[in-house]
Structures are given as structure tokens and as C-alpha cells.
Protein backbone atom coordinates (compact mmCIF):
# COMPACT_ATOMS: atom_id res chain seq x y z
CA MET A 1 1.55 104.50 116.83
CA LYS A 2 2.10 101.56 114.57
CA GLY A 3 5.65 100.22 114.70
CA SER A 4 6.53 102.14 117.86
CA ASN A 5 8.63 100.58 120.63
CA LEU A 6 6.95 102.74 123.28
CA THR A 7 4.98 100.97 125.98
CA GLY A 8 2.74 102.36 128.67
CA SER A 9 0.84 105.61 128.76
CA PHE A 10 3.70 108.06 129.37
CA ARG A 11 7.30 108.73 128.45
CA VAL A 12 9.63 109.19 131.43
CA ARG A 13 12.48 111.70 131.31
CA ILE A 14 14.93 112.49 134.09
CA THR A 15 16.09 116.06 134.68
CA ARG A 16 19.79 116.81 134.96
CA PRO A 17 19.69 117.59 138.73
CA ALA A 18 17.87 114.30 139.37
CA LEU A 19 20.41 112.41 137.24
CA ASP A 20 23.21 113.92 139.33
CA GLU A 21 21.40 112.76 142.49
CA VAL A 22 21.10 109.22 141.09
CA ARG A 23 24.84 109.19 140.36
CA LYS A 24 25.61 110.28 143.93
CA LEU A 25 23.40 107.50 145.33
CA SER A 26 24.84 104.80 143.04
CA ALA A 27 28.06 103.12 144.11
CA ARG A 28 28.10 101.12 140.85
CA VAL A 29 26.67 101.53 137.38
CA ARG A 30 24.46 98.52 138.12
CA ASP A 31 22.83 100.47 140.97
CA GLY A 32 22.06 103.41 138.69
CA ILE A 33 20.46 101.02 136.22
CA GLU A 34 18.36 99.54 139.04
CA ILE A 35 17.11 103.00 140.01
CA ARG A 36 16.34 103.72 136.34
CA ARG A 37 14.32 100.50 136.15
CA HIS A 38 12.17 101.71 139.03
CA LEU A 39 11.73 105.15 137.47
CA LEU A 40 10.59 103.63 134.19
CA LYS A 41 7.66 102.01 136.00
CA LEU A 42 6.08 105.46 135.78
CA ARG A 43 5.39 104.73 132.08
CA PHE A 44 2.36 102.85 133.36
CA TRP A 45 1.26 105.53 135.85
CA PRO A 46 -1.29 106.05 137.52
CA GLU A 47 -2.21 102.38 138.07
CA ASN A 48 -1.03 100.88 141.37
CA HIS A 49 -0.18 97.41 140.03
CA PRO A 50 0.10 97.64 136.24
CA GLU A 51 1.55 94.98 133.97
CA ASP A 52 4.47 95.66 131.64
CA GLU A 53 4.64 94.49 128.02
CA ARG A 54 5.71 90.98 129.18
CA GLY A 55 2.79 90.64 131.58
CA GLN A 56 4.92 91.17 134.72
CA ILE A 57 3.07 92.97 137.50
CA LEU A 58 4.87 96.13 138.59
CA ASP A 59 4.90 97.56 142.10
CA LEU A 60 4.03 101.20 141.48
CA ASP A 61 3.67 102.77 144.93
CA TRP A 62 3.12 106.52 144.65
CA CYS A 63 1.19 109.49 146.05
CA TRP A 64 0.78 113.20 145.40
CA LEU A 65 2.98 115.51 147.48
CA LYS A 66 0.82 117.12 150.15
CA SER A 67 3.28 120.00 150.45
CA LEU A 68 2.61 120.94 146.78
CA PRO A 69 -1.17 120.60 146.38
CA LYS A 70 -2.63 120.75 142.87
CA SER A 71 0.84 120.98 141.32
CA LYS A 72 0.83 117.54 139.61
CA VAL A 73 3.99 116.65 141.58
CA GLY A 74 4.10 113.17 143.07
CA GLU A 75 6.38 110.84 144.98
CA LEU A 76 7.32 107.34 143.81
CA ARG A 77 8.41 105.05 146.64
CA ILE A 78 11.24 102.62 145.84
CA HIS A 79 11.18 99.78 148.34
CA ASP A 80 14.39 97.99 147.29
CA VAL A 81 17.70 98.63 149.03
CA ILE A 82 20.04 100.02 146.37
CA SER A 83 23.71 100.79 147.08
CA GLY A 84 22.94 100.46 150.79
CA HIS A 85 20.17 103.09 150.58
CA ASP A 86 16.67 102.22 151.66
CA ASN A 87 13.53 104.36 151.57
CA LEU A 88 14.43 105.91 148.22
CA ARG A 89 12.01 108.42 146.74
CA ALA A 90 11.63 109.82 143.25
CA ILE A 91 9.79 113.11 142.90
CA PHE A 92 8.02 113.39 139.56
CA TYR A 93 5.96 115.95 137.67
CA VAL A 94 3.21 114.95 135.28
CA GLY A 95 3.76 117.25 132.30
CA ASP A 96 1.20 119.22 130.34
CA SER A 97 -1.38 116.71 129.17
CA ARG A 98 -1.91 118.64 125.92
CA ILE A 99 1.65 117.83 124.80
CA ARG A 100 1.56 114.31 123.36
CA GLU A 101 4.57 113.89 121.08
CA PRO A 102 4.18 110.82 120.83
CA LEU A 103 3.05 110.32 124.48
CA PRO A 104 2.61 112.69 127.43
CA MET A 105 5.70 113.14 129.60
CA ILE A 106 6.48 112.43 133.24
CA TRP A 107 9.55 114.32 134.45
CA ILE A 108 11.76 113.01 137.27
CA LEU A 109 12.64 116.07 139.36
CA SER A 110 14.60 114.47 142.20
CA VAL A 111 15.78 111.12 143.58
CA PHE A 112 16.89 110.91 147.21
CA GLN A 113 16.85 108.82 150.37
CA LYS A 114 13.99 110.01 152.56
CA LYS A 115 14.93 110.10 156.22
CA THR A 116 11.73 111.58 157.68
CA GLN A 117 8.06 111.21 156.90
CA GLU A 118 7.55 114.87 155.94
CA ILE A 119 9.03 116.82 153.04
CA SER A 120 10.67 119.99 154.32
CA THR A 121 9.55 123.39 153.05
CA HIS A 122 13.02 123.87 151.56
CA LYS A 123 12.87 120.61 149.59
CA ALA A 124 9.31 121.35 148.43
CA ARG A 125 10.50 124.72 147.10
CA ILE A 126 13.36 122.99 145.22
CA PHE A 127 10.86 120.60 143.60
CA GLU A 128 8.60 123.52 142.65
CA VAL A 129 11.50 125.42 141.05
CA ARG A 130 12.60 122.32 139.09
CA LYS A 131 9.02 121.90 137.86
CA ILE A 132 8.95 125.54 136.73
CA MET A 133 12.27 125.03 134.91
CA VAL A 134 10.81 122.05 133.02
CA GLN A 135 7.69 124.04 132.14
CA GLU A 136 9.69 127.03 130.88
CA ARG A 137 12.27 125.03 128.97
CA PHE A 138 10.22 122.22 127.47
CA GLU A 139 6.55 123.11 127.65
CA SER A 140 6.30 126.85 127.02
CA GLY A 141 6.80 126.55 123.25
CA HIS A 142 3.88 124.14 122.90
CA SER A 143 1.03 126.49 123.78
CA GLY A 144 -2.14 125.84 121.88
CA LEU A 145 -1.63 122.09 121.47
């Protein structure tokens, strides 16, 4: 990828429902940009403490969702307080690894303030449906890659 401005191992793309959730959480544009900065750390996934292109160590605290085993859906923990919200979580899906145009994709499915330790069955179903929507809309036409 000579001449490319891409850094990291993945591209990160936010889904429309997740973007709407970010807007609801953000009192100011600056807060939305701060959340975006945290989401873009996923470019360097799956390392726990990767370095960005400037050599800055990133805090990439994540885990797979236990309520959706083997689904390639994870949870990024955002430890900063943004717009008065603490304990923010970003639910992401690691896209089809065969699709690499120019890098594989990580999709942000949801961003919310987590109030309990467990993910409810209802929320897990929402994440699963959003993942299926991404697969049908963006990945289904790439079979055989």
C-alpha cells in the first residue's frame, strides 16, 4: 500500500444506528470527536497497548461479548468521562477477514453508557441484528474473495 494514509491493521466504520447513539451521548461536537478518537483505536486491534503512527501508546481495553459467543462481536471499554457519561462501551464486529479492500473492516455496532456488568438478552439481540445487517449489506456481495 505504497502512498496510503492508512495506519493500523483495520479500517473502522461506524454504522448509522451507532452514529445516532454517539450524537445522543454528545452534548458538544467536541465530545463526539472524543468518542470517535477512542473508536479509531480499533485500527490497531487486537493488541492491548499498541502504538499509533506517532509512537503514542494507546489504551485499547476490549473483550469478546460472552452473550454472543463465536460471533466476532466485541466490546471496547472507554474509560474517559465524556459529556458527563462514564463507563462508555462501543460494541464492534470484526468483519469478514477475506474482504481486504484495502484493509479488513471493524464495524461499530453500538455506543452506549453501560450501567450494569451484564449485557441484557434484548441488547445482545440488537447487536446480533445489526451485525447481520452489516453482513447482508456490505459483505454478501464479496463472496469468494
